[in-house]
Amino acid sequence: LGGGRKSGDDLSLIDAAQDHDADSLEGRI
C-alpha cells in the first residue's frame, strides 16, 4: 500500500504479495 516491493498483479496484492526474499531473515526462519 505504501509502494513497497511486491510480486504478482493487482489481484494478488493481498494473497501473493511478498515482503521478503527466501534468503532474508524471515525466509530463513
PDB file of all heavy atoms in Angstrom:
ATOM      1  N   LEU A   1       0.827  -1.197   0.000  1.00  0.00           N
ATOM      2  CA  LEU A   1       0.000   0.000   0.000  1.00  0.00           C
ATOM      3  C   LEU A   1       0.867   1.255   0.000  1.00  0.00           C
ATOM      4  O   LEU A   1       0.464   2.305  -0.506  1.00  0.00           O
ATOM      5  CB  LEU A   1      -0.933   0.002   1.220  1.00  0.00           C
ATOM      6  CG  LEU A   1      -2.071  -1.018   1.165  1.00  0.00           C
ATOM      7  CD1 LEU A   1      -2.815  -1.035   2.507  1.00  0.00           C
ATOM      8  CD2 LEU A   1      -3.035  -0.690   0.030  1.00  0.00           C
ATOM      9  N   GLY A   2       2.073   1.105   0.584  1.00  0.00           N
ATOM     10  CA  GLY A   2       2.970   2.244   0.636  1.00  0.00           C
ATOM     11  C   GLY A   2       3.942   2.286  -0.514  1.00  0.00           C
ATOM     12  O   GLY A   2       4.881   3.079  -0.511  1.00  0.00           O
ATOM     13  N   GLY A   3       3.758   1.407  -1.492  1.00  0.00           N
ATOM     14  CA  GLY A   3       4.632   1.414  -2.651  1.00  0.00           C
ATOM     15  C   GLY A   3       5.815   0.500  -2.529  1.00  0.00           C
ATOM     16  O   GLY A   3       6.759   0.599  -3.307  1.00  0.00           O
ATOM     17  N   GLY A   4       5.793  -0.383  -1.529  1.00  0.00           N
ATOM     18  CA  GLY A   4       6.894  -1.314  -1.343  1.00  0.00           C
ATOM     19  C   GLY A   4       6.941  -2.364  -2.422  1.00  0.00           C
ATOM     20  O   GLY A   4       6.082  -2.430  -3.309  1.00  0.00           O
ATOM     21  N   ARG A   5       7.957  -3.254  -2.351  1.00  0.00           N
ATOM     22  CA  ARG A   5       8.125  -4.291  -3.370  1.00  0.00           C
ATOM     23  C   ARG A   5       7.001  -5.295  -3.285  1.00  0.00           C
ATOM     24  O   ARG A   5       6.544  -5.659  -2.213  1.00  0.00           O
ATOM     25  CB  ARG A   5       9.467  -5.021  -3.158  1.00  0.00           C
ATOM     26  CG  ARG A   5       9.790  -5.980  -4.307  1.00  0.00           C
ATOM     27  CD  ARG A   5      11.101  -6.689  -4.032  1.00  0.00           C
ATOM     28  NE  ARG A   5      10.983  -7.572  -2.890  1.00  0.00           N
ATOM     29  CZ  ARG A   5      10.443  -8.802  -2.956  1.00  0.00           C
ATOM     30  NH1 ARG A   5       9.961  -9.248  -4.087  1.00  0.00           N
ATOM     31  NH2 ARG A   5      10.396  -9.565  -1.880  1.00  0.00           N
ATOM     32  N   LYS A   6       6.544  -5.770  -4.435  1.00  0.00           N
ATOM     33  CA  LYS A   6       5.508  -6.790  -4.471  1.00  0.00           C
ATOM     34  C   LYS A   6       5.717  -7.679  -5.670  1.00  0.00           C
ATOM     35  O   LYS A   6       6.429  -7.338  -6.604  1.00  0.00           O
ATOM     36  CB  LYS A   6       4.122  -6.156  -4.510  1.00  0.00           C
ATOM     37  CG  LYS A   6       3.844  -5.374  -5.786  1.00  0.00           C
ATOM     38  CD  LYS A   6       2.465  -4.739  -5.748  1.00  0.00           C
ATOM     39  CE  LYS A   6       2.234  -3.920  -7.032  1.00  0.00           C
ATOM     40  NZ  LYS A   6       0.922  -3.266  -7.010  1.00  0.00           N
ATOM     41  N   SER A   7       5.066  -8.839  -5.660  1.00  0.00           N
ATOM     42  CA  SER A   7       5.095  -9.732  -6.817  1.00  0.00           C
ATOM     43  C   SER A   7       3.673 -10.013  -7.217  1.00  0.00           C
ATOM     44  O   SER A   7       2.763 -10.004  -6.395  1.00  0.00           O
ATOM     45  CB  SER A   7       5.829 -11.039  -6.482  1.00  0.00           C
ATOM     46  OG  SER A   7       5.115 -11.755  -5.512  1.00  0.00           O
ATOM     47  N   GLY A   8       3.450 -10.248  -8.509  1.00  0.00           N
ATOM     48  CA  GLY A   8       2.103 -10.557  -8.972  1.00  0.00           C
ATOM     49  C   GLY A   8       1.383  -9.314  -9.462  1.00  0.00           C
ATOM     50  O   GLY A   8       1.884  -8.197  -9.401  1.00  0.00           O
ATOM     51  N   ASP A   9       0.164  -9.512  -9.963  1.00  0.00           N
ATOM     52  CA  ASP A   9      -0.615  -8.396 -10.473  1.00  0.00           C
ATOM     53  C   ASP A   9      -1.492  -7.817  -9.383  1.00  0.00           C
ATOM     54  O   ASP A   9      -1.360  -8.157  -8.208  1.00  0.00           O
ATOM     55  CB  ASP A   9      -1.473  -8.849 -11.664  1.00  0.00           C
ATOM     56  CG  ASP A   9      -2.372 -10.020 -11.306  1.00  0.00           C
ATOM     57  OD1 ASP A   9      -2.689 -10.184 -10.104  1.00  0.00           O
ATOM     58  OD2 ASP A   9      -2.750 -10.777 -12.224  1.00  0.00           O
ATOM     59  N   ASP A  10      -2.411  -6.942  -9.730  1.00  0.00           N
ATOM     60  CA  ASP A  10      -3.235  -6.261  -8.739  1.00  0.00           C
ATOM     61  C   ASP A  10      -4.085  -7.235  -7.945  1.00  0.00           C
ATOM     62  O   ASP A  10      -4.352  -7.022  -6.761  1.00  0.00           O
ATOM     63  CB  ASP A  10      -4.139  -5.225  -9.419  1.00  0.00           C
ATOM     64  CG  ASP A  10      -3.348  -4.055  -9.963  1.00  0.00           C
ATOM     65  OD1 ASP A  10      -2.186  -3.887  -9.529  1.00  0.00           O
ATOM     66  OD2 ASP A  10      -3.888  -3.342 -10.819  1.00  0.00           O
ATOM     67  N   LEU A  11      -4.552  -8.331  -8.590  1.00  0.00           N
ATOM     68  CA  LEU A  11      -5.406  -9.285  -7.894  1.00  0.00           C
ATOM     69  C   LEU A  11      -4.632 -10.063  -6.838  1.00  0.00           C
ATOM     70  O   LEU A  11      -5.217 -10.648  -5.937  1.00  0.00           O
ATOM     71  CB  LEU A  11      -6.035 -10.262  -8.902  1.00  0.00           C
ATOM     72  CG  LEU A  11      -7.019  -9.632  -9.900  1.00  0.00           C
ATOM     73  CD1 LEU A  11      -7.514 -10.676 -10.897  1.00  0.00           C
ATOM     74  CD2 LEU A  11      -8.205  -9.021  -9.149  1.00  0.00           C
ATOM     75  N   SER A  12      -3.321 -10.067  -6.962  1.00  0.00           N
ATOM     76  CA  SER A  12      -2.507 -10.799  -5.991  1.00  0.00           C
ATOM     77  C   SER A  12      -1.968  -9.893  -4.904  1.00  0.00           C
ATOM     78  O   SER A  12      -1.125 -10.309  -4.122  1.00  0.00           O
ATOM     79  CB  SER A  12      -1.339 -11.497  -6.699  1.00  0.00           C
ATOM     80  OG  SER A  12      -0.425 -10.538  -7.197  1.00  0.00           O
ATOM     81  N   LEU A  13      -2.462  -8.666  -4.862  1.00  0.00           N
ATOM     82  CA  LEU A  13      -1.942  -7.709  -3.883  1.00  0.00           C
ATOM     83  C   LEU A  13      -2.033  -8.246  -2.461  1.00  0.00           C
ATOM     84  O   LEU A  13      -1.115  -8.119  -1.669  1.00  0.00           O
ATOM     85  CB  LEU A  13      -2.719  -6.394  -3.987  1.00  0.00           C
ATOM     86  CG  LEU A  13      -2.305  -5.291  -2.999  1.00  0.00           C
ATOM     87  CD1 LEU A  13      -0.872  -4.858  -3.283  1.00  0.00           C
ATOM     88  CD2 LEU A  13      -3.253  -4.095  -3.105  1.00  0.00           C
ATOM     89  N   ILE A  14      -3.183  -8.903  -2.129  1.00  0.00           N
ATOM     90  CA  ILE A  14      -3.381  -9.407  -0.781  1.00  0.00           C
ATOM     91  C   ILE A  14      -2.833 -10.816  -0.628  1.00  0.00           C
ATOM     92  O   ILE A  14      -2.143 -11.136   0.331  1.00  0.00           O
ATOM     93  CB  ILE A  14      -4.877  -9.395  -0.410  1.00  0.00           C
ATOM     94  CG1 ILE A  14      -5.413  -7.959  -0.513  1.00  0.00           C
ATOM     95  CG2 ILE A  14      -5.094  -9.953   0.983  1.00  0.00           C
ATOM     96  CD1 ILE A  14      -4.751  -6.997   0.425  1.00  0.00           C
ATOM     97  N   ASP A  15      -3.120 -11.696  -1.604  1.00  0.00           N
ATOM     98  CA  ASP A  15      -2.823 -13.119  -1.447  1.00  0.00           C
ATOM     99  C   ASP A  15      -1.383 -13.484  -1.760  1.00  0.00           C
ATOM    100  O   ASP A  15      -0.849 -14.410  -1.177  1.00  0.00           O
ATOM    101  CB  ASP A  15      -3.741 -13.951  -2.343  1.00  0.00           C
ATOM    102  CG  ASP A  15      -5.188 -13.864  -1.880  1.00  0.00           C
ATOM    103  OD1 ASP A  15      -5.388 -13.693  -0.660  1.00  0.00           O
ATOM    104  OD2 ASP A  15      -6.092 -13.950  -2.719  1.00  0.00           O
ATOM    105  N   ALA A  16      -0.754 -12.793  -2.697  1.00  0.00           N
ATOM    106  CA  ALA A  16       0.544 -13.254  -3.160  1.00  0.00           C
ATOM    107  C   ALA A  16       1.667 -12.253  -2.964  1.00  0.00           C
ATOM    108  O   ALA A  16       2.792 -12.529  -3.322  1.00  0.00           O
ATOM    109  CB  ALA A  16       0.470 -13.638  -4.650  1.00  0.00           C
ATOM    110  N   ALA A  17       1.367 -11.075  -2.426  1.00  0.00           N
ATOM    111  CA  ALA A  17       2.427 -10.097  -2.225  1.00  0.00           C
ATOM    112  C   ALA A  17       3.465 -10.636  -1.246  1.00  0.00           C
ATOM    113  O   ALA A  17       3.134 -11.324  -0.293  1.00  0.00           O
ATOM    114  CB  ALA A  17       1.839  -8.799  -1.700  1.00  0.00           C
ATOM    115  N   GLN A  18       4.731 -10.320  -1.499  1.00  0.00           N
ATOM    116  CA  GLN A  18       5.811 -10.782  -0.634  1.00  0.00           C
ATOM    117  C   GLN A  18       6.618  -9.592  -0.167  1.00  0.00           C
ATOM    118  O   GLN A  18       6.833  -8.644  -0.914  1.00  0.00           O
ATOM    119  CB  GLN A  18       6.732 -11.754  -1.381  1.00  0.00           C
ATOM    120  CG  GLN A  18       6.019 -13.004  -1.876  1.00  0.00           C
ATOM    121  CD  GLN A  18       6.937 -13.868  -2.716  1.00  0.00           C
ATOM    122  OE1 GLN A  18       8.103 -13.532  -2.911  1.00  0.00           O
ATOM    123  NE2 GLN A  18       6.414 -14.967  -3.209  1.00  0.00           N
ATOM    124  N   ASP A  19       7.068  -9.631   1.049  1.00  0.00           N
ATOM    125  CA  ASP A  19       7.894  -8.541   1.547  1.00  0.00           C
ATOM    126  C   ASP A  19       9.280  -9.020   1.950  1.00  0.00           C
ATOM    127  O   ASP A  19      10.031  -8.303   2.586  1.00  0.00           O
ATOM    128  CB  ASP A  19       7.213  -7.850   2.741  1.00  0.00           C
ATOM    129  CG  ASP A  19       7.138  -8.762   3.952  1.00  0.00           C
ATOM    130  OD1 ASP A  19       7.134  -9.981   3.758  1.00  0.00           O
ATOM    131  OD2 ASP A  19       7.096  -8.231   5.083  1.00  0.00           O
ATOM    132  N   HIS A  20       9.596 -10.277   1.610  1.00  0.00           N
ATOM    133  CA  HIS A  20      10.942 -10.755   1.929  1.00  0.00           C
ATOM    134  C   HIS A  20      11.358 -11.815   0.928  1.00  0.00           C
ATOM    135  O   HIS A  20      10.535 -12.481   0.305  1.00  0.00           O
ATOM    136  CB  HIS A  20      11.013 -11.324   3.349  1.00  0.00           C
ATOM    137  CG  HIS A  20      10.079 -12.475   3.588  1.00  0.00           C
ATOM    138  ND1 HIS A  20      10.317 -13.743   3.128  1.00  0.00           N
ATOM    139  CD2 HIS A  20       8.895 -12.514   4.258  1.00  0.00           C
ATOM    140  CE1 HIS A  20       9.316 -14.545   3.491  1.00  0.00           C
ATOM    141  NE2 HIS A  20       8.451 -13.821   4.174  1.00  0.00           N
ATOM    142  N   ASP A  21      12.665 -11.943   0.740  1.00  0.00           N
ATOM    143  CA  ASP A  21      13.226 -12.976  -0.116  1.00  0.00           C
ATOM    144  C   ASP A  21      13.479 -14.235   0.689  1.00  0.00           C
ATOM    145  O   ASP A  21      13.487 -14.215   1.917  1.00  0.00           O
ATOM    146  CB  ASP A  21      14.553 -12.490  -0.723  1.00  0.00           C
ATOM    147  CG  ASP A  21      14.358 -11.288  -1.628  1.00  0.00           C
ATOM    148  OD1 ASP A  21      13.441 -11.334  -2.459  1.00  0.00           O
ATOM    149  OD2 ASP A  21      15.133 -10.311  -1.475  1.00  0.00           O
ATOM    150  N   ALA A  22      13.719 -15.345  -0.018  1.00  0.00           N
ATOM    151  CA  ALA A  22      13.978 -16.618   0.664  1.00  0.00           C
ATOM    152  C   ALA A  22      15.220 -16.529   1.539  1.00  0.00           C
ATOM    153  O   ALA A  22      15.335 -17.235   2.542  1.00  0.00           O
ATOM    154  CB  ALA A  22      14.125 -17.733  -0.366  1.00  0.00           C
ATOM    155  N   ASP A  23      16.191 -15.628   1.154  1.00  0.00           N
ATOM    156  CA  ASP A  23      17.431 -15.510   1.912  1.00  0.00           C
ATOM    157  C   ASP A  23      17.348 -14.468   3.024  1.00  0.00           C
ATOM    158  O   ASP A  23      18.323 -14.244   3.737  1.00  0.00           O
ATOM    159  CB  ASP A  23      18.591 -15.153   0.973  1.00  0.00           C
ATOM    160  CG  ASP A  23      18.934 -16.303   0.032  1.00  0.00           C
ATOM    161  OD1 ASP A  23      18.677 -17.461   0.421  1.00  0.00           O
ATOM    162  OD2 ASP A  23      19.449 -16.042  -1.069  1.00  0.00           O
ATOM    163  N   SER A  24      16.193 -13.842   3.178  1.00  0.00           N
ATOM    164  CA  SER A  24      16.040 -12.859   4.232  1.00  0.00           C
ATOM    165  C   SER A  24      15.903 -13.547   5.578  1.00  0.00           C
ATOM    166  O   SER A  24      15.749 -14.776   5.664  1.00  0.00           O
ATOM    167  CB  SER A  24      14.809 -11.989   3.967  1.00  0.00           C
ATOM    168  OG  SER A  24      13.633 -12.776   4.112  1.00  0.00           O
ATOM    169  N   LEU A  25      15.932 -12.747   6.657  1.00  0.00           N
ATOM    170  CA  LEU A  25      15.772 -13.307   7.993  1.00  0.00           C
ATOM    171  C   LEU A  25      14.457 -14.056   8.119  1.00  0.00           C
ATOM    172  O   LEU A  25      14.405 -15.191   8.610  1.00  0.00           O
ATOM    173  CB  LEU A  25      15.839 -12.175   9.023  1.00  0.00           C
ATOM    174  CG  LEU A  25      15.526 -12.563  10.479  1.00  0.00           C
ATOM    175  CD1 LEU A  25      16.535 -13.594  10.974  1.00  0.00           C
ATOM    176  CD2 LEU A  25      15.536 -11.322  11.373  1.00  0.00           C
ATOM    177  N   GLU A  26      13.371 -13.428   7.646  1.00  0.00           N
ATOM    178  CA  GLU A  26      12.060 -14.071   7.739  1.00  0.00           C
ATOM    179  C   GLU A  26      12.018 -15.362   6.937  1.00  0.00           C
ATOM    180  O   GLU A  26      11.456 -16.370   7.361  1.00  0.00           O
ATOM    181  CB  GLU A  26      10.965 -13.119   7.266  1.00  0.00           C
ATOM    182  CG  GLU A  26      10.738 -11.921   8.162  1.00  0.00           C
ATOM    183  CD  GLU A  26      11.688 -10.778   7.837  1.00  0.00           C
ATOM    184  OE1 GLU A  26      12.600 -10.981   7.001  1.00  0.00           O
ATOM    185  OE2 GLU A  26      11.539  -9.689   8.423  1.00  0.00           O
ATOM    186  N   GLY A  27      12.632 -15.316   5.760  1.00  0.00           N
ATOM    187  CA  GLY A  27      12.635 -16.512   4.914  1.00  0.00           C
ATOM    188  C   GLY A  27      13.395 -17.654   5.536  1.00  0.00           C
ATOM    189  O   GLY A  27      12.980 -18.813   5.475  1.00  0.00           O
ATOM    190  N   ARG A  28      14.517 -17.345   6.178  1.00  0.00           N
ATOM    191  CA  ARG A  28      15.319 -18.399   6.812  1.00  0.00           C
ATOM    192  C   ARG A  28      14.607 -18.980   8.040  1.00  0.00           C
ATOM    193  O   ARG A  28      14.677 -20.179   8.291  1.00  0.00           O
ATOM    194  CB  ARG A  28      16.690 -17.834   7.199  1.00  0.00           C
ATOM    195  CG  ARG A  28      17.648 -17.711   6.011  1.00  0.00           C
ATOM    196  CD  ARG A  28      18.990 -17.186   6.436  1.00  0.00           C
ATOM    197  NE  ARG A  28      18.917 -15.765   6.764  1.00  0.00           N
ATOM    198  CZ  ARG A  28      19.788 -15.132   7.548  1.00  0.00           C
ATOM    199  NH1 ARG A  28      20.781 -15.800   8.118  1.00  0.00           N
ATOM    200  NH2 ARG A  28      19.672 -13.840   7.780  1.00  0.00           N
ATOM    201  N   ILE A  29      13.911 -18.117   8.810  1.00  0.00           N
ATOM    202  CA  ILE A  29      13.148 -18.618   9.954  1.00  0.00           C
ATOM    203  C   ILE A  29      12.049 -19.553   9.488  1.00  0.00           C
ATOM    204  O   ILE A  29      11.853 -20.646  10.036  1.00  0.00           O
ATOM    205  CB  ILE A  29      12.560 -17.446  10.762  1.00  0.00           C
ATOM    206  CG1 ILE A  29      13.682 -16.672  11.463  1.00  0.00           C
ATOM    207  CG2 ILE A  29      11.552 -17.951  11.789  1.00  0.00           C
ATOM    208  CD1 ILE A  29      13.212 -15.423  12.165  1.00  0.00           C
TER     209      ILE A  29
END
